[in-house]
N, C-alpha and C. Protein backbone atom coordinates (compact mmCIF):
# COMPACT_ATOMS: atom_id res chain seq x y z
N MET A 1 0.81 -1.19 0.00
CA MET A 1 0.00 0.00 0.00
C MET A 1 0.86 1.27 0.00
N GLN A 2 2.16 1.10 0.08
CA GLN A 2 3.03 2.26 0.16
C GLN A 2 2.81 3.18 -1.03
N GLY A 3 2.69 4.47 -0.74
CA GLY A 3 2.49 5.46 -1.79
C GLY A 3 1.03 5.70 -2.14
N ARG A 4 0.13 4.87 -1.65
CA ARG A 4 -1.28 5.02 -1.98
C ARG A 4 -2.03 5.83 -0.94
N LEU A 5 -1.52 5.87 0.29
CA LEU A 5 -2.20 6.55 1.39
C LEU A 5 -1.25 7.53 2.04
N ALA A 6 -1.80 8.66 2.48
CA ALA A 6 -0.99 9.67 3.16
C ALA A 6 -1.32 9.63 4.65
N GLY A 7 -0.28 9.57 5.47
CA GLY A 7 -0.46 9.62 6.91
C GLY A 7 -0.59 8.24 7.54
N ALA A 8 -0.61 8.24 8.86
CA ALA A 8 -0.73 6.99 9.61
C ALA A 8 -2.17 6.52 9.58
N LEU A 9 -2.34 5.21 9.48
CA LEU A 9 -3.68 4.62 9.45
C LEU A 9 -3.66 3.38 10.32
N LEU A 10 -4.55 3.35 11.29
CA LEU A 10 -4.61 2.24 12.23
C LEU A 10 -5.91 1.48 12.07
N PRO A 11 -5.90 0.20 12.39
CA PRO A 11 -7.14 -0.57 12.35
C PRO A 11 -8.21 0.11 13.21
N GLY A 12 -9.41 0.19 12.66
CA GLY A 12 -10.52 0.83 13.36
C GLY A 12 -10.69 2.31 13.07
N ASP A 13 -9.67 2.94 12.48
CA ASP A 13 -9.78 4.36 12.14
C ASP A 13 -10.92 4.57 11.14
N LYS A 14 -11.62 5.66 11.27
CA LYS A 14 -12.64 6.06 10.31
C LYS A 14 -11.99 7.03 9.32
N VAL A 15 -12.23 6.80 8.01
CA VAL A 15 -11.51 7.52 6.97
C VAL A 15 -12.48 8.15 5.97
N VAL A 16 -12.18 9.39 5.59
CA VAL A 16 -12.88 10.07 4.51
C VAL A 16 -11.97 10.04 3.29
N ILE A 17 -12.47 9.50 2.18
CA ILE A 17 -11.74 9.49 0.92
C ILE A 17 -12.09 10.79 0.20
N THR A 18 -11.08 11.57 -0.17
CA THR A 18 -11.34 12.84 -0.86
C THR A 18 -10.79 12.81 -2.27
N GLU A 19 -11.53 13.42 -3.17
CA GLU A 19 -11.12 13.53 -4.58
C GLU A 19 -11.50 14.92 -5.07
N ASP A 20 -10.68 15.48 -5.95
CA ASP A 20 -11.06 16.76 -6.54
C ASP A 20 -12.20 16.57 -7.53
N THR A 21 -12.13 15.53 -8.35
CA THR A 21 -13.18 15.25 -9.32
C THR A 21 -13.28 13.75 -9.55
N VAL A 22 -14.49 13.29 -9.78
CA VAL A 22 -14.70 11.89 -10.15
C VAL A 22 -15.55 11.84 -11.41
N THR A 23 -15.26 10.86 -12.24
CA THR A 23 -16.11 10.60 -13.41
C THR A 23 -16.79 9.27 -13.21
N ARG A 24 -16.04 8.18 -13.23
CA ARG A 24 -16.63 6.88 -12.96
C ARG A 24 -16.62 6.54 -11.47
N GLY A 25 -15.63 7.02 -10.76
CA GLY A 25 -15.54 6.76 -9.32
C GLY A 25 -14.68 5.57 -8.95
N THR A 26 -14.04 4.95 -9.92
CA THR A 26 -13.26 3.75 -9.62
C THR A 26 -12.04 4.04 -8.74
N SER A 27 -11.39 5.17 -8.92
CA SER A 27 -10.21 5.50 -8.11
C SER A 27 -10.60 5.68 -6.65
N ALA A 28 -11.70 6.37 -6.41
CA ALA A 28 -12.17 6.58 -5.04
C ALA A 28 -12.52 5.26 -4.37
N LEU A 29 -13.18 4.37 -5.11
CA LEU A 29 -13.54 3.08 -4.55
C LEU A 29 -12.32 2.18 -4.36
N ASP A 30 -11.34 2.26 -5.26
CA ASP A 30 -10.09 1.53 -5.06
C ASP A 30 -9.41 1.98 -3.77
N ALA A 31 -9.42 3.29 -3.52
CA ALA A 31 -8.82 3.81 -2.30
C ALA A 31 -9.57 3.32 -1.06
N ALA A 32 -10.89 3.29 -1.14
CA ALA A 32 -11.70 2.79 -0.03
C ALA A 32 -11.40 1.33 0.27
N LEU A 33 -11.24 0.54 -0.77
CA LEU A 33 -10.92 -0.88 -0.57
C LEU A 33 -9.52 -1.05 0.02
N ALA A 34 -8.59 -0.18 -0.36
CA ALA A 34 -7.24 -0.23 0.21
C ALA A 34 -7.28 0.12 1.69
N VAL A 35 -8.10 1.09 2.05
CA VAL A 35 -8.28 1.47 3.45
C VAL A 35 -8.84 0.28 4.25
N ARG A 36 -9.86 -0.36 3.68
CA ARG A 36 -10.45 -1.53 4.34
C ARG A 36 -9.43 -2.65 4.52
N ALA A 37 -8.59 -2.83 3.53
CA ALA A 37 -7.58 -3.90 3.60
C ALA A 37 -6.61 -3.69 4.76
N LEU A 38 -6.47 -2.45 5.21
CA LEU A 38 -5.60 -2.12 6.34
C LEU A 38 -6.36 -2.15 7.66
N GLY A 39 -7.66 -2.51 7.62
CA GLY A 39 -8.43 -2.61 8.84
C GLY A 39 -9.15 -1.36 9.25
N ALA A 40 -9.04 -0.30 8.48
CA ALA A 40 -9.74 0.94 8.79
C ALA A 40 -11.10 0.94 8.11
N GLU A 41 -11.93 1.92 8.43
CA GLU A 41 -13.30 1.97 7.92
C GLU A 41 -13.52 3.22 7.06
N PRO A 42 -13.66 3.06 5.74
CA PRO A 42 -14.01 4.21 4.91
C PRO A 42 -15.47 4.57 5.17
N VAL A 43 -15.73 5.80 5.61
CA VAL A 43 -17.09 6.19 5.97
C VAL A 43 -17.72 7.17 4.98
N LEU A 44 -16.89 7.82 4.15
CA LEU A 44 -17.42 8.82 3.23
C LEU A 44 -16.46 9.01 2.06
N VAL A 45 -17.03 9.11 0.87
CA VAL A 45 -16.28 9.58 -0.30
C VAL A 45 -16.77 11.01 -0.53
N LEU A 46 -15.86 11.97 -0.40
CA LEU A 46 -16.18 13.39 -0.54
C LEU A 46 -15.44 13.92 -1.76
N VAL A 47 -16.20 14.45 -2.73
CA VAL A 47 -15.58 14.97 -3.95
C VAL A 47 -16.01 16.41 -4.16
N VAL A 48 -15.15 17.15 -4.84
CA VAL A 48 -15.50 18.53 -5.18
C VAL A 48 -16.47 18.53 -6.34
N VAL A 49 -16.11 17.86 -7.46
CA VAL A 49 -16.97 17.84 -8.64
C VAL A 49 -17.26 16.39 -9.06
N ASP A 50 -18.53 16.07 -9.17
CA ASP A 50 -18.95 14.77 -9.70
C ASP A 50 -19.32 14.96 -11.16
N ARG A 51 -18.47 14.46 -12.05
CA ARG A 51 -18.67 14.64 -13.49
C ARG A 51 -19.45 13.50 -14.12
N GLY A 52 -19.51 12.34 -13.45
CA GLY A 52 -20.08 11.16 -14.09
C GLY A 52 -21.41 10.68 -13.55
N GLY A 53 -21.69 10.97 -12.30
CA GLY A 53 -22.95 10.56 -11.72
C GLY A 53 -23.05 9.10 -11.30
N THR A 54 -21.95 8.36 -11.35
CA THR A 54 -22.00 6.94 -11.00
C THR A 54 -21.34 6.58 -9.67
N CYS A 55 -20.51 7.46 -9.16
CA CYS A 55 -19.75 7.15 -7.95
C CYS A 55 -20.65 6.97 -6.74
N ALA A 56 -21.73 7.71 -6.65
CA ALA A 56 -22.63 7.59 -5.49
C ALA A 56 -23.18 6.17 -5.37
N ALA A 57 -23.61 5.60 -6.47
CA ALA A 57 -24.15 4.23 -6.44
C ALA A 57 -23.05 3.21 -6.13
N MET A 58 -21.86 3.43 -6.66
CA MET A 58 -20.75 2.52 -6.39
C MET A 58 -20.39 2.56 -4.90
N ALA A 59 -20.35 3.76 -4.33
CA ALA A 59 -20.03 3.89 -2.90
C ALA A 59 -21.13 3.24 -2.06
N ALA A 60 -22.39 3.50 -2.41
CA ALA A 60 -23.50 2.92 -1.66
C ALA A 60 -23.45 1.40 -1.68
N ALA A 61 -23.06 0.82 -2.81
CA ALA A 61 -22.96 -0.63 -2.92
C ALA A 61 -21.92 -1.21 -1.97
N GLU A 62 -20.95 -0.38 -1.60
CA GLU A 62 -19.91 -0.79 -0.64
C GLU A 62 -20.23 -0.33 0.79
N GLY A 63 -21.40 0.28 0.98
CA GLY A 63 -21.79 0.75 2.32
C GLY A 63 -21.09 2.02 2.74
N ILE A 64 -20.70 2.84 1.78
CA ILE A 64 -19.96 4.08 2.05
C ILE A 64 -20.81 5.25 1.59
N ALA A 65 -20.93 6.26 2.44
CA ALA A 65 -21.67 7.47 2.06
C ALA A 65 -20.90 8.23 0.99
N PHE A 66 -21.60 9.04 0.23
CA PHE A 66 -21.01 9.83 -0.86
C PHE A 66 -21.59 11.23 -0.81
N HIS A 67 -20.71 12.22 -1.03
CA HIS A 67 -21.19 13.60 -1.14
C HIS A 67 -20.31 14.35 -2.13
N ALA A 68 -20.96 15.02 -3.07
CA ALA A 68 -20.26 15.90 -4.02
C ALA A 68 -20.64 17.34 -3.69
N LEU A 69 -19.66 18.22 -3.66
CA LEU A 69 -19.95 19.62 -3.42
C LEU A 69 -20.71 20.24 -4.59
N ILE A 70 -20.41 19.75 -5.80
CA ILE A 70 -21.08 20.25 -7.00
C ILE A 70 -21.06 19.14 -8.05
N THR A 71 -22.07 19.13 -8.92
CA THR A 71 -22.15 18.12 -9.97
C THR A 71 -22.07 18.78 -11.33
N ALA A 72 -21.81 17.97 -12.34
CA ALA A 72 -21.79 18.49 -13.72
C ALA A 72 -23.10 19.20 -14.06
N PRO A 73 -24.27 18.60 -13.76
CA PRO A 73 -25.52 19.32 -14.05
C PRO A 73 -25.65 20.65 -13.30
N ASP A 74 -25.08 20.74 -12.08
CA ASP A 74 -25.09 22.02 -11.36
C ASP A 74 -24.36 23.09 -12.16
N LEU A 75 -23.37 22.66 -12.93
CA LEU A 75 -22.56 23.59 -13.74
C LEU A 75 -23.13 23.77 -15.15
N GLY A 76 -24.27 23.12 -15.43
CA GLY A 76 -24.89 23.27 -16.73
C GLY A 76 -24.45 22.27 -17.78
N PHE A 77 -23.77 21.20 -17.34
CA PHE A 77 -23.29 20.18 -18.26
C PHE A 77 -23.95 18.84 -17.93
N PRO A 78 -24.16 17.99 -18.93
CA PRO A 78 -24.67 16.65 -18.62
C PRO A 78 -23.56 15.81 -17.99
N TYR A 79 -23.97 14.78 -17.25
CA TYR A 79 -22.98 13.84 -16.76
C TYR A 79 -22.25 13.22 -17.95
N GLU A 80 -20.95 12.99 -17.80
CA GLU A 80 -20.19 12.34 -18.87
C GLU A 80 -20.70 10.92 -19.06
N GLY A 81 -20.89 10.52 -20.29
CA GLY A 81 -21.39 9.20 -20.60
C GLY A 81 -22.90 9.10 -20.57
N ALA A 82 -23.57 10.19 -20.20
CA ALA A 82 -25.04 10.15 -20.14
C ALA A 82 -25.65 10.48 -21.48
């Protein structure tokens, strides 16, 4: 996991995964699974811009909350791939 996570992470820690932008959401979910593999608990995926509209469902399927500060439609654009 070296190079994938910043800072100390202990089993049982609650973790927020942050991203500047997501389209499909696979990177955020990969990070959440890496956190779980270390025994910590990813509790939220927090993104600045959701461009794809699919990350929320992917996070929910893993039992992780999702929040985007702004979405592509908020900016007047359709979700990518829509």
